[in-house]
Amino acid sequence: MKTEEEIVKHLRLTYGASLLTKREIATELGVSRATIDRMRLEGEIESIIIRKQVRFKFSELIRLIT
Protein backbone atom coordinates (compact mmCIF):
# COMPACT_ATOMS: atom_id res chain seq x y z
CA MET A 1 0.00 0.00 0.00
CA LYS A 2 1.31 3.43 -0.95
CA THR A 3 1.81 6.11 1.65
CA GLU A 4 0.13 9.50 1.37
CA GLU A 5 3.48 11.03 0.40
CA GLU A 6 3.98 8.49 -2.40
CA ILE A 7 0.49 9.15 -3.74
CA VAL A 8 1.02 12.92 -3.79
CA LYS A 9 4.41 12.50 -5.46
CA HIS A 10 2.89 10.26 -8.17
CA LEU A 11 0.07 12.73 -8.81
CA ARG A 12 2.47 15.69 -9.01
CA LEU A 13 4.58 13.83 -11.57
CA THR A 14 1.46 12.93 -13.56
CA TYR A 15 -0.32 16.29 -13.49
CA GLY A 16 2.19 18.87 -12.29
CA ALA A 17 0.57 21.97 -10.85
CA SER A 18 -1.98 22.32 -13.62
CA LEU A 19 -5.73 22.40 -13.35
CA LEU A 20 -7.41 19.05 -13.82
CA THR A 21 -10.30 18.19 -16.11
CA LYS A 22 -13.42 16.42 -14.94
CA ARG A 23 -12.23 13.26 -16.67
CA GLU A 24 -8.82 13.36 -14.95
CA ILE A 25 -10.22 13.91 -11.48
CA ALA A 26 -12.90 11.24 -11.98
CA THR A 27 -10.25 8.75 -13.11
CA GLU A 28 -8.02 9.43 -10.11
CA LEU A 29 -10.95 9.14 -7.68
CA GLY A 30 -12.31 6.03 -9.41
CA VAL A 31 -15.76 7.53 -9.97
CA SER A 32 -17.82 8.60 -12.96
CA ARG A 33 -17.97 12.09 -14.36
CA ALA A 34 -21.63 12.18 -13.29
CA THR A 35 -20.49 11.59 -9.72
CA ILE A 36 -18.08 14.52 -10.04
CA ASP A 37 -20.98 16.68 -11.26
CA ARG A 38 -23.05 15.61 -8.24
CA MET A 39 -20.14 16.35 -5.89
CA ARG A 40 -19.82 19.84 -7.41
CA LEU A 41 -23.53 20.57 -7.02
CA GLU A 42 -23.51 19.37 -3.40
CA GLY A 43 -20.42 21.42 -2.58
CA GLU A 44 -18.20 18.41 -1.86
CA ILE A 45 -15.58 19.51 -4.36
CA GLU A 46 -14.56 23.00 -5.43
CA SER A 47 -14.28 23.76 -9.13
CA ILE A 48 -13.32 26.62 -11.39
CA ILE A 49 -15.11 27.59 -14.61
CA ILE A 50 -12.80 28.77 -17.39
CA ARG A 51 -14.45 29.63 -20.69
CA LYS A 52 -17.40 27.38 -19.86
CA GLN A 53 -15.12 24.45 -18.98
CA VAL A 54 -14.98 22.94 -15.50
CA ARG A 55 -11.52 22.61 -13.96
CA PHE A 56 -10.30 21.46 -10.57
CA LYS A 57 -7.27 22.56 -8.61
CA PHE A 58 -4.66 19.91 -7.91
CA SER A 59 -5.08 20.66 -4.21
CA GLU A 60 -8.74 19.55 -4.38
CA LEU A 61 -7.69 16.15 -5.69
CA ILE A 62 -5.12 15.79 -2.91
CA ARG A 63 -7.72 16.84 -0.31
CA LEU A 64 -10.15 14.19 -1.52
CA ILE A 65 -7.58 11.41 -1.73
CA THR A 66 -5.94 11.99 1.63
PDB file of N, CA and C in Angstrom:
ATOM      1  N   MET A   1       0.843  -1.179   0.000  1.00  0.00           N
ATOM      2  CA  MET A   1       0.000   0.000   0.000  1.00  0.00           C
ATOM      3  C   MET A   1       0.890   1.244   0.000  1.00  0.00           C
ATOM      4  N   LYS A   2       0.534   2.203  -0.832  1.00  0.00           N
ATOM      5  CA  LYS A   2       1.308   3.434  -0.951  1.00  0.00           C
ATOM      6  C   LYS A   2       1.004   4.379   0.212  1.00  0.00           C
ATOM      7  N   THR A   3       2.015   5.102   0.616  1.00  0.00           N
ATOM      8  CA  THR A   3       1.810   6.112   1.650  1.00  0.00           C
ATOM      9  C   THR A   3       1.207   7.359   1.009  1.00  0.00           C
ATOM     10  N   GLU A   4       0.703   8.241   1.862  1.00  0.00           N
ATOM     11  CA  GLU A   4       0.131   9.496   1.371  1.00  0.00           C
ATOM     12  C   GLU A   4       1.177  10.281   0.582  1.00  0.00           C
ATOM     13  N   GLU A   5       2.394  10.303   1.076  1.00  0.00           N
ATOM     14  CA  GLU A   5       3.475  11.031   0.400  1.00  0.00           C
ATOM     15  C   GLU A   5       3.765  10.451  -0.983  1.00  0.00           C
ATOM     16  N   GLU A   6       3.743   9.132  -1.101  1.00  0.00           N
ATOM     17  CA  GLU A   6       3.983   8.491  -2.396  1.00  0.00           C
ATOM     18  C   GLU A   6       2.862   8.803  -3.383  1.00  0.00           C
ATOM     19  N   ILE A   7       1.635   8.833  -2.889  1.00  0.00           N
ATOM     20  CA  ILE A   7       0.491   9.150  -3.742  1.00  0.00           C
ATOM     21  C   ILE A   7       0.608  10.575  -4.271  1.00  0.00           C
ATOM     22  N   VAL A   8       0.894  11.519  -3.386  1.00  0.00           N
ATOM     23  CA  VAL A   8       1.023  12.921  -3.785  1.00  0.00           C
ATOM     24  C   VAL A   8       2.161  13.080  -4.787  1.00  0.00           C
ATOM     25  N   LYS A   9       3.274  12.419  -4.546  1.00  0.00           N
ATOM     26  CA  LYS A   9       4.414  12.495  -5.462  1.00  0.00           C
ATOM     27  C   LYS A   9       4.031  11.974  -6.846  1.00  0.00           C
ATOM     28  N   HIS A  10       3.335  10.842  -6.884  1.00  0.00           N
ATOM     29  CA  HIS A  10       2.892  10.265  -8.169  1.00  0.00           C
ATOM     30  C   HIS A  10       1.963  11.229  -8.907  1.00  0.00           C
ATOM     31  N   LEU A  11       1.020  11.816  -8.183  1.00  0.00           N
ATOM     32  CA  LEU A  11       0.070  12.734  -8.813  1.00  0.00           C
ATOM     33  C   LEU A  11       0.758  13.996  -9.320  1.00  0.00           C
ATOM     34  N   ARG A  12       1.723  14.507  -8.557  1.00  0.00           N
ATOM     35  CA  ARG A  12       2.469  15.694  -9.013  1.00  0.00           C
ATOM     36  C   ARG A  12       3.248  15.387 -10.285  1.00  0.00           C
ATOM     37  N   LEU A  13       3.839  14.206 -10.361  1.00  0.00           N
ATOM     38  CA  LEU A  13       4.576  13.826 -11.573  1.00  0.00           C
ATOM     39  C   LEU A  13       3.628  13.665 -12.761  1.00  0.00           C
ATOM     40  N   THR A  14       2.438  13.162 -12.496  1.00  0.00           N
ATOM     41  CA  THR A  14       1.464  12.931 -13.563  1.00  0.00           C
ATOM     42  C   THR A  14       0.835  14.233 -14.051  1.00  0.00           C
ATOM     43  N   TYR A  15       0.437  15.103 -13.120  1.00  0.00           N
ATOM     44  CA  TYR A  15      -0.324  16.288 -13.490  1.00  0.00           C
ATOM     45  C   TYR A  15       0.403  17.612 -13.284  1.00  0.00           C
ATOM     46  N   GLY A  16       1.499  17.615 -12.582  1.00  0.00           N
ATOM     47  CA  GLY A  16       2.185  18.874 -12.295  1.00  0.00           C
ATOM     48  C   GLY A  16       1.298  19.760 -11.443  1.00  0.00           C
ATOM     49  N   ALA A  17       1.368  21.034 -11.637  1.00  0.00           N
ATOM     50  CA  ALA A  17       0.567  21.974 -10.849  1.00  0.00           C
ATOM     51  C   ALA A  17      -0.604  22.511 -11.661  1.00  0.00           C
ATOM     52  N   SER A  18      -0.932  21.837 -12.729  1.00  0.00           N
ATOM     53  CA  SER A  18      -1.984  22.320 -13.625  1.00  0.00           C
ATOM     54  C   SER A  18      -3.379  22.075 -13.046  1.00  0.00           C
ATOM     55  N   LEU A  19      -4.342  22.661 -13.688  1.00  0.00           N
ATOM     56  CA  LEU A  19      -5.731  22.401 -13.354  1.00  0.00           C
ATOM     57  C   LEU A  19      -6.142  21.088 -14.002  1.00  0.00           C
ATOM     58  N   LEU A  20      -6.983  20.353 -13.330  1.00  0.00           N
ATOM     59  CA  LEU A  20      -7.413  19.050 -13.824  1.00  0.00           C
ATOM     60  C   LEU A  20      -8.789  19.129 -14.478  1.00  0.00           C
ATOM     61  N   THR A  21      -8.996  18.285 -15.466  1.00  0.00           N
ATOM     62  CA  THR A  21     -10.303  18.193 -16.107  1.00  0.00           C
ATOM     63  C   THR A  21     -11.202  17.281 -15.282  1.00  0.00           C
ATOM     64  N   LYS A  22     -12.474  17.294 -15.608  1.00  0.00           N
ATOM     65  CA  LYS A  22     -13.425  16.418 -14.941  1.00  0.00           C
ATOM     66  C   LYS A  22     -13.048  14.955 -15.162  1.00  0.00           C
ATOM     67  N   ARG A  23     -12.627  14.628 -16.354  1.00  0.00           N
ATOM     68  CA  ARG A  23     -12.227  13.256 -16.671  1.00  0.00           C
ATOM     69  C   ARG A  23     -11.027  12.822 -15.829  1.00  0.00           C
ATOM     70  N   GLU A  24     -10.031  13.697 -15.714  1.00  0.00           N
ATOM     71  CA  GLU A  24      -8.823  13.359 -14.953  1.00  0.00           C
ATOM     72  C   GLU A  24      -9.132  13.142 -13.478  1.00  0.00           C
ATOM     73  N   ILE A  25      -9.927  14.036 -12.898  1.00  0.00           N
ATOM     74  CA  ILE A  25     -10.224  13.905 -11.480  1.00  0.00           C
ATOM     75  C   ILE A  25     -11.116  12.692 -11.217  1.00  0.00           C
ATOM     76  N   ALA A  26     -12.040  12.415 -12.128  1.00  0.00           N
ATOM     77  CA  ALA A  26     -12.896  11.235 -11.980  1.00  0.00           C
ATOM     78  C   ALA A  26     -12.060   9.957 -12.054  1.00  0.00           C
ATOM     79  N   THR A  27     -11.116   9.917 -12.969  1.00  0.00           N
ATOM     80  CA  THR A  27     -10.249   8.746 -13.107  1.00  0.00           C
ATOM     81  C   THR A  27      -9.445   8.515 -11.837  1.00  0.00           C
ATOM     82  N   GLU A  28      -8.851   9.559 -11.308  1.00  0.00           N
ATOM     83  CA  GLU A  28      -8.024   9.426 -10.106  1.00  0.00           C
ATOM     84  C   GLU A  28      -8.845   9.030  -8.885  1.00  0.00           C
ATOM     85  N   LEU A  29     -10.089   9.480  -8.817  1.00  0.00           N
ATOM     86  CA  LEU A  29     -10.949   9.138  -7.682  1.00  0.00           C
ATOM     87  C   LEU A  29     -11.674   7.815  -7.884  1.00  0.00           C
ATOM     88  N   GLY A  30     -11.653   7.299  -9.118  1.00  0.00           N
ATOM     89  CA  GLY A  30     -12.313   6.034  -9.407  1.00  0.00           C
ATOM     90  C   GLY A  30     -13.825   6.145  -9.418  1.00  0.00           C
ATOM     91  N   VAL A  31     -14.312   7.298  -9.877  1.00  0.00           N
ATOM     92  CA  VAL A  31     -15.757   7.528  -9.969  1.00  0.00           C
ATOM     93  C   VAL A  31     -16.100   8.020 -11.369  1.00  0.00           C
ATOM     94  N   SER A  32     -17.388   8.115 -11.646  1.00  0.00           N
ATOM     95  CA  SER A  32     -17.825   8.597 -12.959  1.00  0.00           C
ATOM     96  C   SER A  32     -17.815  10.118 -13.008  1.00  0.00           C
ATOM     97  N   ARG A  33     -17.884  10.647 -14.205  1.00  0.00           N
ATOM     98  CA  ARG A  33     -17.973  12.095 -14.360  1.00  0.00           C
ATOM     99  C   ARG A  33     -19.296  12.617 -13.812  1.00  0.00           C
ATOM    100  N   ALA A  34     -20.336  11.787 -13.871  1.00  0.00           N
ATOM    101  CA  ALA A  34     -21.631  12.176 -13.293  1.00  0.00           C
ATOM    102  C   ALA A  34     -21.509  12.329 -11.775  1.00  0.00           C
ATOM    103  N   THR A  35     -20.725  11.481 -11.155  1.00  0.00           N
ATOM    104  CA  THR A  35     -20.493  11.595  -9.717  1.00  0.00           C
ATOM    105  C   THR A  35     -19.759  12.887  -9.395  1.00  0.00           C
ATOM    106  N   ILE A  36     -18.795  13.252 -10.236  1.00  0.00           N
ATOM    107  CA  ILE A  36     -18.082  14.518 -10.041  1.00  0.00           C
ATOM    108  C   ILE A  36     -19.053  15.684 -10.153  1.00  0.00           C
ATOM    109  N   ASP A  37     -19.962  15.632 -11.121  1.00  0.00           N
ATOM    110  CA  ASP A  37     -20.982  16.684 -11.259  1.00  0.00           C
ATOM    111  C   ASP A  37     -21.837  16.779  -9.993  1.00  0.00           C
ATOM    112  N   ARG A  38     -22.252  15.632  -9.457  1.00  0.00           N
ATOM    113  CA  ARG A  38     -23.052  15.613  -8.237  1.00  0.00           C
ATOM    114  C   ARG A  38     -22.263  16.203  -7.072  1.00  0.00           C
ATOM    115  N   MET A  39     -20.998  15.830  -6.966  1.00  0.00           N
ATOM    116  CA  MET A  39     -20.142  16.348  -5.891  1.00  0.00           C
ATOM    117  C   MET A  39     -20.003  17.870  -5.985  1.00  0.00           C
ATOM    118  N   ARG A  40     -19.900  18.386  -7.206  1.00  0.00           N
ATOM    119  CA  ARG A  40     -19.820  19.842  -7.411  1.00  0.00           C
ATOM    120  C   ARG A  40     -21.101  20.518  -6.942  1.00  0.00           C
ATOM    121  N   LEU A  41     -22.242  19.969  -7.361  1.00  0.00           N
ATOM    122  CA  LEU A  41     -23.532  20.566  -7.018  1.00  0.00           C
ATOM    123  C   LEU A  41     -23.794  20.531  -5.516  1.00  0.00           C
ATOM    124  N   GLU A  42     -23.298  19.505  -4.840  1.00  0.00           N
ATOM    125  CA  GLU A  42     -23.512  19.369  -3.402  1.00  0.00           C
ATOM    126  C   GLU A  42     -22.426  20.065  -2.583  1.00  0.00           C
ATOM    127  N   GLY A  43     -21.463  20.681  -3.270  1.00  0.00           N
ATOM    128  CA  GLY A  43     -20.421  21.419  -2.576  1.00  0.00           C
ATOM    129  C   GLY A  43     -19.326  20.563  -1.966  1.00  0.00           C
ATOM    130  N   GLU A  44     -19.225  19.308  -2.385  1.00  0.00           N
ATOM    131  CA  GLU A  44     -18.205  18.410  -1.856  1.00  0.00           C
ATOM    132  C   GLU A  44     -16.834  18.643  -2.483  1.00  0.00           C
ATOM    133  N   ILE A  45     -16.837  19.248  -3.660  1.00  0.00           N
ATOM    134  CA  ILE A  45     -15.584  19.514  -4.362  1.00  0.00           C
ATOM    135  C   ILE A  45     -15.670  20.893  -5.006  1.00  0.00           C
ATOM    136  N   GLU A  46     -14.605  21.640  -4.889  1.00  0.00           N
ATOM    137  CA  GLU A  46     -14.565  23.002  -5.433  1.00  0.00           C
ATOM    138  C   GLU A  46     -14.048  22.961  -6.871  1.00  0.00           C
ATOM    139  N   SER A  47     -14.688  23.722  -7.723  1.00  0.00           N
ATOM    140  CA  SER A  47     -14.276  23.763  -9.127  1.00  0.00           C
ATOM    141  C   SER A  47     -14.137  25.204  -9.594  1.00  0.00           C
ATOM    142  N   ILE A  48     -13.535  25.329 -10.759  1.00  0.00           N
ATOM    143  CA  ILE A  48     -13.321  26.624 -11.393  1.00  0.00           C
ATOM    144  C   ILE A  48     -13.905  26.531 -12.801  1.00  0.00           C
ATOM    145  N   ILE A  49     -14.586  27.559 -13.240  1.00  0.00           N
ATOM    146  CA  ILE A  49     -15.114  27.587 -14.608  1.00  0.00           C
ATOM    147  C   ILE A  49     -14.225  28.524 -15.425  1.00  0.00           C
ATOM    148  N   ILE A  50     -13.649  27.989 -16.490  1.00  0.00           N
ATOM    149  CA  ILE A  50     -12.805  28.773 -17.387  1.00  0.00           C
ATOM    150  C   ILE A  50     -13.355  28.589 -18.798  1.00  0.00           C
ATOM    151  N   ARG A  51     -13.848  29.678 -19.344  1.00  0.00           N
ATOM    152  CA  ARG A  51     -14.446  29.635 -20.688  1.00  0.00           C
ATOM    153  C   ARG A  51     -15.432  28.478 -20.841  1.00  0.00           C
ATOM    154  N   LYS A  52     -16.329  28.377 -19.885  1.00  0.00           N
ATOM    155  CA  LYS A  52     -17.403  27.382 -19.862  1.00  0.00           C
ATOM    156  C   LYS A  52     -16.911  25.950 -19.648  1.00  0.00           C
ATOM    157  N   GLN A  53     -15.663  25.777 -19.271  1.00  0.00           N
ATOM    158  CA  GLN A  53     -15.124  24.449 -18.985  1.00  0.00           C
ATOM    159  C   GLN A  53     -14.826  24.323 -17.495  1.00  0.00           C
ATOM    160  N   VAL A  54     -15.198  23.191 -16.925  1.00  0.00           N
ATOM    161  CA  VAL A  54     -14.984  22.942 -15.502  1.00  0.00           C
ATOM    162  C   VAL A  54     -13.567  22.437 -15.289  1.00  0.00           C
ATOM    163  N   ARG A  55     -12.884  23.029 -14.314  1.00  0.00           N
ATOM    164  CA  ARG A  55     -11.524  22.608 -13.956  1.00  0.00           C
ATOM    165  C   ARG A  55     -11.431  22.500 -12.442  1.00  0.00           C
ATOM    166  N   PHE A  56     -10.491  21.701 -11.988  1.00  0.00           N
ATOM    167  CA  PHE A  56     -10.301  21.461 -10.570  1.00  0.00           C
ATOM    168  C   PHE A  56      -8.843  21.704 -10.217  1.00  0.00           C
ATOM    169  N   LYS A  57      -8.629  22.346  -9.071  1.00  0.00           N
ATOM    170  CA  LYS A  57      -7.271  22.562  -8.606  1.00  0.00           C
ATOM    171  C   LYS A  57      -6.678  21.228  -8.151  1.00  0.00           C
ATOM    172  N   PHE A  58      -5.386  21.091  -8.350  1.00  0.00           N
ATOM    173  CA  PHE A  58      -4.663  19.914  -7.911  1.00  0.00           C
ATOM    174  C   PHE A  58      -4.872  19.686  -6.405  1.00  0.00           C
ATOM    175  N   SER A  59      -4.909  20.758  -5.659  1.00  0.00           N
ATOM    176  CA  SER A  59      -5.081  20.655  -4.206  1.00  0.00           C
ATOM    177  C   SER A  59      -6.416  20.021  -3.818  1.00  0.00           C
ATOM    178  N   GLU A  60      -7.446  20.190  -4.637  1.00  0.00           N
ATOM    179  CA  GLU A  60      -8.736  19.552  -4.376  1.00  0.00           C
ATOM    180  C   GLU A  60      -8.616  18.041  -4.508  1.00  0.00           C
ATOM    181  N   LEU A  61      -7.892  17.585  -5.510  1.00  0.00           N
ATOM    182  CA  LEU A  61      -7.687  16.151  -5.688  1.00  0.00           C
ATOM    183  C   LEU A  61      -6.952  15.581  -4.479  1.00  0.00           C
ATOM    184  N   ILE A  62      -5.896  16.256  -4.070  1.00  0.00           N
ATOM    185  CA  ILE A  62      -5.125  15.794  -2.914  1.00  0.00           C
ATOM    186  C   ILE A  62      -6.013  15.764  -1.667  1.00  0.00           C
ATOM    187  N   ARG A  63      -6.822  16.782  -1.482  1.00  0.00           N
ATOM    188  CA  ARG A  63      -7.716  16.842  -0.313  1.00  0.00           C
ATOM    189  C   ARG A  63      -8.664  15.654  -0.289  1.00  0.00           C
ATOM    190  N   LEU A  64      -9.194  15.287  -1.448  1.00  0.00           N
ATOM    191  CA  LEU A  64     -10.154  14.190  -1.516  1.00  0.00           C
ATOM    192  C   LEU A  64      -9.496  12.817  -1.358  1.00  0.00           C
ATOM    193  N   ILE A  65      -8.278  12.709  -1.803  1.00  0.00           N
ATOM    194  CA  ILE A  65      -7.580  11.413  -1.733  1.00  0.00           C
ATOM    195  C   ILE A  65      -7.027  11.156  -0.343  1.00  0.00           C
ATOM    196  N   THR A  66      -6.587  12.199   0.323  1.00  0.00           N
ATOM    197  CA  THR A  66      -5.937  11.989   1.632  1.00  0.00           C
ATOM    198  C   THR A  66      -6.882  12.191   2.782  1.00  0.00           C
TER     199      THR A  66
END
